[in-house]
Amino acid sequence: MVDTKSKERKKLAVVLVRGKAELEHHMIRTLQLLLLTKKNHCVVVENTPVYQGMLQKVKDYVTWGEISEETFAELIAKRGKEYKNPIYDAKKKYTYTVLEVKGKKYLPYFTLNPPRKGFARKGIKVSFTQGGALGYRGSKINDLLARMI
């Protein structure tokens, strides 16, 4: 029997493209759970059904895709902020989310610049499949992140 939990899952890079003005409360809460608080913030999450459902819920405000190892290493090197506080509180009741790479702890989100030459020809209100910037974009997220780093 194969253990599916130990298998390495692909990581997804999620970028908040549109602002949160006039959003419904449950959409704002989902973006908070994804740690996307401002435009052009990026998080790297595991490709699990839980995150897939969250991304489908906010698909009109974010773009996401599978991130390559080279792009992830560049993102950590150039935009990663080291986390220096303890992971637990004094009573070990609460845990803080950190990203651990090669023994160093980083904040789980990255602040990026707007992309050079813009998002897409049709803008940030149209899905990626129709020529815009929103929704799932597969491995082309690496091109977008390279322009934003």
Protein backbone atom coordinates (compact mmCIF):
# COMPACT_ATOMS: atom_id res chain seq x y z
CA MET A 1 0.00 0.00 0.00
CA VAL A 2 1.31 3.43 -0.96
CA ASP A 3 1.16 6.21 1.60
CA THR A 4 -0.25 9.23 -0.24
CA LYS A 5 0.38 11.66 2.62
CA SER A 6 4.15 11.22 2.48
CA LYS A 7 4.22 11.84 -1.28
CA GLU A 8 5.62 15.25 -2.15
CA ARG A 9 2.76 17.52 -3.24
CA LYS A 10 3.24 20.34 -5.68
CA LYS A 11 3.19 23.82 -4.24
CA LEU A 12 0.85 26.50 -5.50
CA ALA A 13 1.76 30.17 -5.67
CA VAL A 14 -1.24 32.44 -5.06
CA VAL A 15 -1.13 36.18 -5.87
CA LEU A 16 -3.82 38.69 -4.89
CA VAL A 17 -4.49 40.68 -8.06
CA ARG A 18 -7.48 42.85 -7.17
CA GLY A 19 -8.19 44.94 -4.10
CA LYS A 20 -10.70 44.05 -1.40
CA ALA A 21 -13.00 47.08 -1.62
CA GLU A 22 -16.72 46.25 -1.54
CA LEU A 23 -16.11 42.53 -1.01
CA GLU A 24 -18.49 40.31 0.90
CA HIS A 25 -17.42 39.34 4.39
CA HIS A 26 -16.94 35.63 3.66
CA MET A 27 -14.61 36.46 0.74
CA ILE A 28 -12.53 38.77 2.94
CA ARG A 29 -12.33 36.02 5.57
CA THR A 30 -11.12 33.50 2.98
CA LEU A 31 -8.42 35.92 1.82
CA GLN A 32 -7.38 36.41 5.45
CA LEU A 33 -7.11 32.65 5.90
CA LEU A 34 -4.89 32.54 2.83
CA LEU A 35 -2.79 35.39 4.37
CA LEU A 36 -3.48 37.64 1.37
CA THR A 37 -4.03 41.04 2.95
CA LYS A 38 -2.90 43.48 0.23
CA LYS A 39 -2.63 43.62 -3.54
CA ASN A 40 0.46 41.96 -5.04
CA HIS A 41 0.99 39.78 -1.97
CA CYS A 42 1.92 36.18 -2.69
CA VAL A 43 1.67 33.01 -0.61
CA VAL A 44 2.91 29.51 -1.37
CA VAL A 45 0.51 26.75 -0.25
CA GLU A 46 0.25 22.99 -0.64
CA ASN A 47 -1.97 21.60 -3.40
CA THR A 48 -4.68 20.08 -1.19
CA PRO A 49 -8.46 19.89 -1.65
CA VAL A 50 -8.91 22.39 1.19
CA TYR A 51 -6.83 25.05 -0.53
CA GLN A 52 -8.39 24.21 -3.91
CA GLY A 53 -11.83 24.99 -2.47
CA MET A 54 -10.61 28.26 -0.98
CA LEU A 55 -9.05 29.27 -4.30
CA GLN A 56 -12.24 28.48 -6.20
CA LYS A 57 -14.13 30.71 -3.79
CA VAL A 58 -11.89 33.74 -4.41
CA LYS A 59 -10.99 32.98 -8.05
CA ASP A 60 -12.25 36.39 -9.19
CA TYR A 61 -9.63 38.19 -7.09
CA VAL A 62 -6.52 35.97 -7.21
CA THR A 63 -4.39 34.09 -9.70
CA TRP A 64 -2.58 30.84 -8.93
CA GLY A 65 -0.55 28.02 -10.44
CA GLU A 66 2.16 25.44 -9.78
CA ILE A 67 5.43 27.11 -8.80
CA SER A 68 8.75 25.65 -9.96
CA GLU A 69 11.63 25.00 -7.58
CA GLU A 70 13.82 27.66 -9.27
CA THR A 71 11.16 30.35 -8.94
CA PHE A 72 10.47 29.35 -5.33
CA ALA A 73 14.20 29.56 -4.49
CA GLU A 74 14.41 33.00 -6.13
CA LEU A 75 11.30 34.15 -4.27
CA ILE A 76 12.81 33.08 -0.94
CA ALA A 77 16.21 34.62 -1.74
CA LYS A 78 14.96 38.02 -2.92
CA ARG A 79 11.64 38.54 -1.12
CA GLY A 80 11.71 36.22 1.90
CA LYS A 81 11.61 37.92 5.31
CA GLU A 82 13.16 35.95 8.14
CA TYR A 83 10.96 35.12 11.10
CA LYS A 84 12.82 35.76 14.36
CA ASN A 85 10.10 35.43 16.99
CA PRO A 86 9.15 32.18 18.75
CA ILE A 87 6.80 29.83 16.92
CA TYR A 88 4.64 29.24 20.02
CA ASP A 89 3.27 31.64 22.61
CA ALA A 90 4.39 31.41 26.26
CA LYS A 91 1.79 28.76 27.17
CA LYS A 92 2.25 26.84 23.88
CA LYS A 93 -1.44 27.33 23.19
CA TYR A 94 -1.13 29.12 19.85
CA THR A 95 1.12 28.31 16.92
CA TYR A 96 2.27 30.88 14.37
CA THR A 97 2.49 30.00 10.70
CA VAL A 98 6.03 30.06 9.33
CA LEU A 99 7.68 28.72 6.21
CA GLU A 100 10.80 26.66 6.89
CA VAL A 101 13.40 26.29 4.12
CA LYS A 102 16.88 24.84 4.70
CA GLY A 103 16.64 25.31 8.47
CA LYS A 104 15.65 28.99 8.30
CA LYS A 105 12.18 30.26 9.16
CA TYR A 106 10.46 32.79 6.89
CA LEU A 107 7.17 34.65 6.99
CA PRO A 108 4.63 32.70 4.92
CA TYR A 109 3.80 35.59 2.57
CA PHE A 110 5.83 37.69 0.16
CA THR A 111 5.32 41.33 -0.83
CA LEU A 112 5.89 41.76 -4.56
CA ASN A 113 6.05 44.64 -7.01
CA PRO A 114 3.39 45.07 -9.67
CA PRO A 115 4.44 43.09 -12.76
CA ARG A 116 6.61 44.79 -15.34
CA LYS A 117 4.58 45.40 -18.52
CA GLY A 118 1.34 44.82 -16.63
CA PHE A 119 -0.80 41.77 -15.95
CA ALA A 120 -2.47 41.06 -19.28
CA ARG A 121 -3.96 42.74 -22.29
CA LYS A 122 -7.55 42.51 -21.06
CA GLY A 123 -6.71 43.60 -17.51
CA ILE A 124 -7.49 42.34 -14.02
CA LYS A 125 -11.24 41.82 -14.39
CA VAL A 126 -11.12 38.93 -16.88
CA SER A 127 -10.05 35.31 -16.32
CA PHE A 128 -6.71 34.03 -17.58
CA THR A 129 -8.33 31.68 -20.10
CA GLN A 130 -10.04 34.67 -21.75
CA GLY A 131 -6.87 36.76 -21.92
CA GLY A 132 -7.02 38.42 -18.50
CA ALA A 133 -5.14 37.92 -15.24
CA LEU A 134 -7.48 36.08 -12.86
CA GLY A 135 -7.89 32.42 -11.96
CA TYR A 136 -5.80 29.33 -12.56
CA ARG A 137 -2.82 29.75 -14.89
CA GLY A 138 -0.81 26.55 -14.36
CA SER A 139 2.94 26.78 -14.78
CA LYS A 140 2.67 30.26 -16.36
CA ILE A 141 2.58 31.64 -12.82
CA ASN A 142 6.39 31.37 -12.94
CA ASP A 143 6.52 33.96 -15.75
CA LEU A 144 4.30 36.32 -13.77
CA LEU A 145 6.35 35.89 -10.58
CA ALA A 146 9.59 36.51 -12.48
CA ARG A 147 8.18 39.87 -13.61
CA MET A 148 7.02 40.71 -10.06
CA ILE A 149 10.14 39.77 -8.04
